[in-house]
Protein backbone atom coordinates (compact mmCIF):
# COMPACT_ATOMS: atom_id res chain seq x y z
CA MET A 1 121.71 94.73 120.40
CA SER A 2 119.97 96.69 117.62
CA ALA A 3 118.40 100.07 118.25
CA ARG A 4 114.63 100.38 118.49
CA PRO A 5 113.15 101.26 115.09
CA PRO A 6 111.69 104.79 114.95
CA VAL A 7 108.01 105.30 115.68
CA VAL A 8 106.47 107.79 113.23
CA ASP A 9 102.97 109.21 113.47
CA THR A 10 102.04 110.03 109.87
CA HIS A 11 98.97 112.12 110.58
CA VAL A 12 98.68 114.87 113.20
CA HIS A 13 96.96 118.23 112.84
CA ILE A 14 98.56 121.08 114.77
CA TRP A 15 97.48 124.72 114.78
CA GLU A 16 97.80 128.06 116.52
CA MET A 17 95.20 130.71 117.20
CA PRO A 18 95.17 134.34 116.00
CA PRO A 19 97.19 136.47 116.01
CA ILE A 20 99.87 133.77 115.75
CA ALA A 21 98.15 131.97 112.87
CA PRO A 22 94.84 132.43 111.05
CA ILE A 23 91.73 130.33 111.67
CA GLY A 24 89.05 129.90 109.03
CA PRO A 25 87.55 127.46 106.52
CA SER A 26 89.40 125.94 103.59
CA ALA A 27 86.41 124.20 101.99
CA PRO A 28 82.84 125.25 101.12
CA ASN A 29 81.19 123.09 103.76
CA PHE A 30 83.80 123.15 106.54
CA THR A 31 83.03 125.71 109.24
CA SER A 32 84.41 124.12 112.43
CA LYS A 33 86.72 126.34 114.47
CA PRO A 34 88.91 125.49 117.48
CA LYS A 35 88.62 127.25 120.81
CA ALA A 36 92.23 126.77 121.91
CA HIS A 37 95.60 126.20 120.30
CA GLY A 38 96.94 122.75 119.51
CA ASN A 39 100.51 123.72 118.86
CA ALA A 40 103.81 122.05 118.05
CA GLU A 41 105.03 122.08 121.64
CA LEU A 42 101.89 120.29 122.85
CA GLN A 43 102.50 117.64 120.20
CA LEU A 44 106.17 117.27 121.15
CA ALA A 45 105.27 116.76 124.81
CA ASP A 46 102.77 114.05 123.84
CA MET A 47 105.33 112.37 121.61
CA ASP A 48 107.99 112.43 124.31
CA SER A 49 105.61 110.97 126.88
CA ASN A 50 104.72 108.06 124.61
CA GLY A 51 107.93 107.22 122.79
CA VAL A 52 106.99 108.63 119.38
CA ASP A 53 110.08 109.81 117.51
CA LYS A 54 108.73 111.75 114.55
CA THR A 55 105.45 113.15 113.24
CA VAL A 56 104.06 114.23 109.88
CA LEU A 57 102.26 117.53 110.48
CA VAL A 58 99.16 118.03 108.34
CA GLN A 59 97.52 121.43 107.90
CA THR A 60 94.01 121.45 109.37
CA SER A 61 90.89 122.26 107.37
CA PHE A 62 90.12 125.08 109.82
CA SER A 63 93.45 126.90 109.44
CA THR A 64 92.84 128.51 106.03
CA TRP A 65 95.09 127.96 103.01
CA ASP A 66 97.97 129.65 104.85
CA ASN A 67 100.27 126.75 105.76
CA GLU A 68 102.91 128.89 107.43
CA TYR A 69 102.49 127.71 111.02
CA VAL A 70 102.77 124.04 110.07
CA ALA A 71 105.66 124.70 107.70
CA ALA A 72 107.52 126.82 110.25
CA SER A 73 107.07 124.17 112.95
CA ALA A 74 108.71 121.54 110.77
CA ILE A 75 111.55 123.93 109.96
CA LYS A 76 111.98 124.74 113.66
CA TYR A 77 112.05 121.07 114.73
CA PRO A 78 113.56 119.27 111.71
CA ASP A 79 114.55 116.19 113.69
CA ARG A 80 110.95 115.61 114.79
CA PHE A 81 108.62 116.96 112.10
CA VAL A 82 107.96 117.15 108.38
CA SER A 83 105.02 119.10 106.95
CA MET A 84 102.10 118.60 104.57
CA GLY A 85 99.98 121.56 103.50
CA LEU A 86 96.74 122.49 101.80
CA VAL A 87 96.40 124.06 98.37
CA ASP A 88 93.02 125.18 97.05
CA PRO A 89 91.94 122.71 94.32
CA MET A 90 89.53 125.32 92.93
CA ASN A 91 92.16 128.06 92.54
CA ASP A 92 93.57 128.15 89.03
CA ASN A 93 96.84 129.59 90.38
CA ASN A 94 97.45 126.67 92.71
CA ALA A 95 100.52 125.44 90.80
CA GLU A 96 102.33 128.64 91.82
CA GLN A 97 101.19 128.15 95.42
CA ALA A 98 102.37 124.53 95.51
CA VAL A 99 105.77 125.56 94.20
CA TYR A 100 106.09 128.25 96.86
CA TRP A 101 105.29 125.96 99.77
CA MET A 102 107.58 123.20 98.54
CA ASP A 103 110.52 125.29 97.35
CA GLU A 104 110.48 128.11 99.89
CA ARG A 105 108.93 126.52 103.00
CA LYS A 106 110.11 122.91 102.69
CA MET A 107 106.68 121.31 102.61
CA GLN A 108 106.84 117.82 101.15
CA GLY A 109 103.35 117.71 99.71
CA PHE A 110 99.68 118.44 100.17
CA ARG A 111 96.32 117.07 101.25
CA PHE A 112 93.12 117.17 99.21
CA HIS A 113 89.53 116.49 100.24
CA PRO A 114 87.29 115.26 97.39
CA GLN A 115 84.50 114.53 99.86
CA TYR A 116 84.17 118.24 100.66
CA TYR A 117 83.20 119.03 97.08
CA SER A 118 79.89 117.48 96.05
CA GLU A 119 79.57 119.39 92.77
CA VAL A 120 82.93 118.65 91.16
CA ASP A 121 85.53 115.88 91.02
CA ILE A 122 88.39 118.05 92.20
CA LEU A 123 91.18 115.60 91.39
CA LEU A 124 89.97 115.38 87.79
CA ARG A 125 89.84 119.13 87.08
CA PRO A 126 92.10 119.85 84.08
CA GLU A 127 92.87 123.19 85.74
CA ASN A 128 94.80 121.22 88.38
CA ASP A 129 97.12 119.51 85.90
CA ALA A 130 99.82 122.17 86.23
CA MET A 131 99.73 121.86 90.01
CA PHE A 132 100.10 118.09 89.97
CA GLU A 133 102.86 118.36 87.38
CA ALA A 134 104.74 120.78 89.63
CA ILE A 135 104.36 118.42 92.60
CA GLU A 136 105.49 115.50 90.47
CA GLN A 137 108.57 117.38 89.26
CA ARG A 138 109.54 117.74 92.92
CA GLU A 139 108.81 114.08 93.72
CA GLY A 140 106.18 115.27 96.15
CA ILE A 141 103.60 113.46 98.24
CA VAL A 142 99.84 113.86 98.02
CA GLN A 143 97.43 112.50 100.61
CA VAL A 144 93.75 112.25 99.80
CA HIS A 145 90.94 112.42 102.33
CA ASN A 146 87.90 110.79 100.76
CA ARG A 147 85.45 107.88 100.79
CA PRO A 148 85.06 104.78 98.62
CA GLU A 149 82.74 106.57 96.21
CA HIS A 150 85.64 108.87 95.31
CA ALA A 151 88.08 106.05 94.53
CA HIS A 152 87.72 106.67 90.78
CA GLN A 153 89.29 110.10 91.23
CA PHE A 154 92.20 108.63 93.13
CA ASP A 155 92.65 105.88 90.53
CA TYR A 156 92.88 108.46 87.75
CA VAL A 157 95.48 110.75 89.31
CA ALA A 158 97.63 107.93 90.70
CA GLY A 159 97.93 106.56 87.19
CA LYS A 160 98.42 109.91 85.51
CA TYR A 161 101.14 111.12 87.90
CA PRO A 162 103.36 108.12 88.73
CA GLY A 163 106.09 110.40 90.06
CA ILE A 164 103.90 111.49 92.96
CA THR A 165 103.63 109.31 96.05
CA TRP A 166 99.88 109.03 96.76
CA LEU A 167 98.54 108.31 100.24
CA ILE A 168 95.05 107.11 101.14
CA ASP A 169 93.99 108.82 104.36
CA HIS A 170 92.19 106.81 107.05
CA MET A 171 91.78 103.74 104.81
CA MET A 172 89.22 105.75 102.78
CA TYR A 173 86.68 105.06 105.54
CA PRO A 174 85.53 101.45 105.45
CA GLU A 175 82.48 100.80 107.65
CA PRO A 176 81.54 97.54 109.41
CA ASN A 177 78.17 97.63 107.68
CA MET A 178 80.00 96.86 104.42
CA ALA A 179 80.71 93.36 105.76
CA PRO A 180 80.72 90.49 105.08
CA ASP A 181 81.62 90.86 101.41
CA TRP A 182 82.97 94.43 101.64
CA ALA A 183 81.82 94.96 98.04
CA ALA A 184 81.54 98.73 98.51
CA TYR A 185 85.15 98.80 99.62
CA LYS A 186 86.61 96.79 96.74
CA PRO A 187 87.38 99.92 94.60
CA VAL A 188 89.66 101.10 97.40
CA LEU A 189 91.52 97.80 97.62
CA ALA A 190 91.91 97.88 93.83
CA LEU A 191 94.06 101.01 94.17
CA ALA A 192 96.85 98.71 95.34
CA LYS A 193 97.56 98.05 91.64
CA HIS A 194 99.42 101.37 91.59
CA ASP A 195 103.01 101.07 92.78
CA ASN A 196 102.95 104.70 93.95
CA VAL A 197 99.97 104.34 96.33
CA LEU A 198 100.21 103.69 100.08
CA MET A 199 97.53 103.59 102.75
CA LYS A 200 97.28 105.13 106.19
CA ILE A 201 95.50 102.61 108.40
CA SER A 202 94.16 105.01 110.99
CA ASP A 203 90.99 106.34 112.65
CA ILE A 204 90.01 102.75 113.42
CA HIS A 205 87.96 103.39 116.54
CA ASN A 206 85.75 106.01 114.86
CA ARG A 207 84.77 103.55 112.15
CA SER A 208 84.08 100.73 114.58
CA GLU A 209 80.62 100.04 115.97
CA SER A 210 82.27 98.92 119.20
CA ASP A 211 83.36 101.23 121.98
CA GLU A 212 85.89 98.75 123.30
CA HIS A 213 89.51 98.00 122.50
CA PRO A 214 90.58 96.42 120.16
CA PHE A 215 87.61 97.35 117.90
CA SER A 216 87.51 93.86 116.46
CA ASP A 217 84.77 94.53 113.90
CA MET A 218 87.39 96.47 111.91
CA HIS A 219 90.06 93.77 111.96
CA ASP A 220 88.90 91.88 108.88
CA VAL A 221 89.04 94.93 106.65
CA ILE A 222 92.38 96.01 108.13
CA LYS A 223 93.79 92.58 107.27
CA MET A 224 92.30 92.85 103.77
CA ALA A 225 93.96 96.23 103.28
CA MET A 226 97.31 95.03 104.58
CA ASP A 227 97.13 91.99 102.31
CA ALA A 228 96.16 94.07 99.27
CA PHE A 229 98.76 96.80 99.66
CA GLY A 230 101.44 94.77 101.40
CA ILE A 231 103.01 95.48 104.76
CA ASP A 232 105.59 97.76 103.09
CA ASN A 233 102.84 100.12 101.91
CA VAL A 234 100.75 100.78 105.02
CA MET A 235 101.39 103.33 107.75
CA TRP A 236 100.18 104.34 111.19
CA GLY A 237 98.63 107.73 111.99
CA THR A 238 96.55 109.30 114.74
CA GLY A 239 95.02 112.78 114.64
CA TYR A 240 95.55 115.60 117.13
CA PRO A 241 98.08 116.90 119.67
CA GLY A 242 97.85 116.16 123.38
CA TYR A 243 94.49 116.49 125.08
CA HIS A 244 92.83 117.47 121.80
CA ARG A 245 92.89 113.80 120.74
CA VAL A 246 90.17 112.77 123.17
CA GLU A 247 88.41 116.14 122.81
CA HIS A 248 87.99 115.47 119.07
CA GLY A 249 86.74 111.94 119.65
CA TRP A 250 90.03 110.14 119.07
CA LEU A 251 91.98 107.79 121.30
CA SER A 252 94.82 109.05 123.45
CA LEU A 253 98.26 108.52 121.94
CA ALA A 254 98.93 105.79 124.50
CA ASP A 255 95.75 103.96 123.46
CA GLU A 256 96.54 104.40 119.76
CA LEU A 257 99.85 102.64 120.36
CA LYS A 258 98.21 99.98 122.52
CA LEU A 259 95.79 99.20 119.69
CA VAL A 260 98.65 98.45 117.31
CA ARG A 261 100.94 96.67 119.77
CA GLU A 262 98.30 94.56 121.48
CA GLY A 263 95.16 94.72 119.34
CA PHE A 264 96.76 93.93 115.98
CA ASP A 265 98.10 90.66 117.36
CA TRP A 266 98.44 89.02 113.95
CA LEU A 267 101.38 91.24 113.03
CA THR A 268 104.91 89.99 113.48
CA GLU A 269 107.40 92.25 115.24
CA GLU A 270 109.01 93.12 111.90
CA GLU A 271 105.64 93.94 110.34
CA ARG A 272 104.64 96.08 113.30
CA ASP A 273 107.91 98.03 113.09
CA LYS A 274 107.30 98.77 109.41
CA TYR A 275 103.74 99.88 110.05
CA LEU A 276 104.63 102.03 113.06
CA GLY A 277 107.47 103.89 111.43
CA GLY A 278 109.75 102.04 109.08
CA ASN A 279 107.65 102.71 106.01
CA ALA A 280 107.16 106.38 106.90
CA MET A 281 110.91 106.84 107.18
CA ARG A 282 111.12 105.71 103.56
CA VAL A 283 108.26 107.89 102.24
CA TRP A 284 109.21 111.30 103.66
CA ASP A 285 112.61 112.98 103.57
CA TRP A 286 113.75 113.32 107.17
CA SER A 287 117.19 114.76 106.40
């Protein structure tokens, strides 16, 4: 009898409060601050209660550019976590910062937020070329949090830096009001032409206009995305540790898993295993 394939959550934000770790904005228009910690141990307890084997930790936008807590958590629990950080796309010394976090603190890549910058296409800034080159030299991973109107930025960098693995966060936010032709979403689906681009199919319930499982008004676009990118290039992710999931408007971890295992009933068992963890085991280095 074969062992159960690993379940990997590719998108969880953890954080600590001062004095353990700093809290503060990392983008011009992001001012939200937490009132309580959402630490690694809270995430581990949630994982253990729900049969999740591994998690990709992603630095939050309210934890400053100091990635140390997330990096240290992955170093402390190497069999459960890997880490993704933030580097300031408007800092001309960000190549040096990226090198530090990857070489010295074992981070495997970074997240960028084009939608937080209305005045500049951050992924297109020539000042960021050295940073992306440094990440590419290390075969790093970059995840991008943006919307369909930013797809041109993603298209440019994915083509320019083929040695980077590029991840689309949260499907790049399709909305049911784009149906039935989903024309506004077609630039996102077109990114599948890049062999180095994968998609996180996540945050489904927040996009849906329904409050009820299985959020069926999102199923057509999920199927479109899975068909465009292929089942080998899509991954599952959630959001926050423990009780913070519901507090931040997300499903509980149990309900996130129920959505995939029961709601996405068109998937075969093999396809579900790839989506829930098999593909993530290939993308990140878990050694």
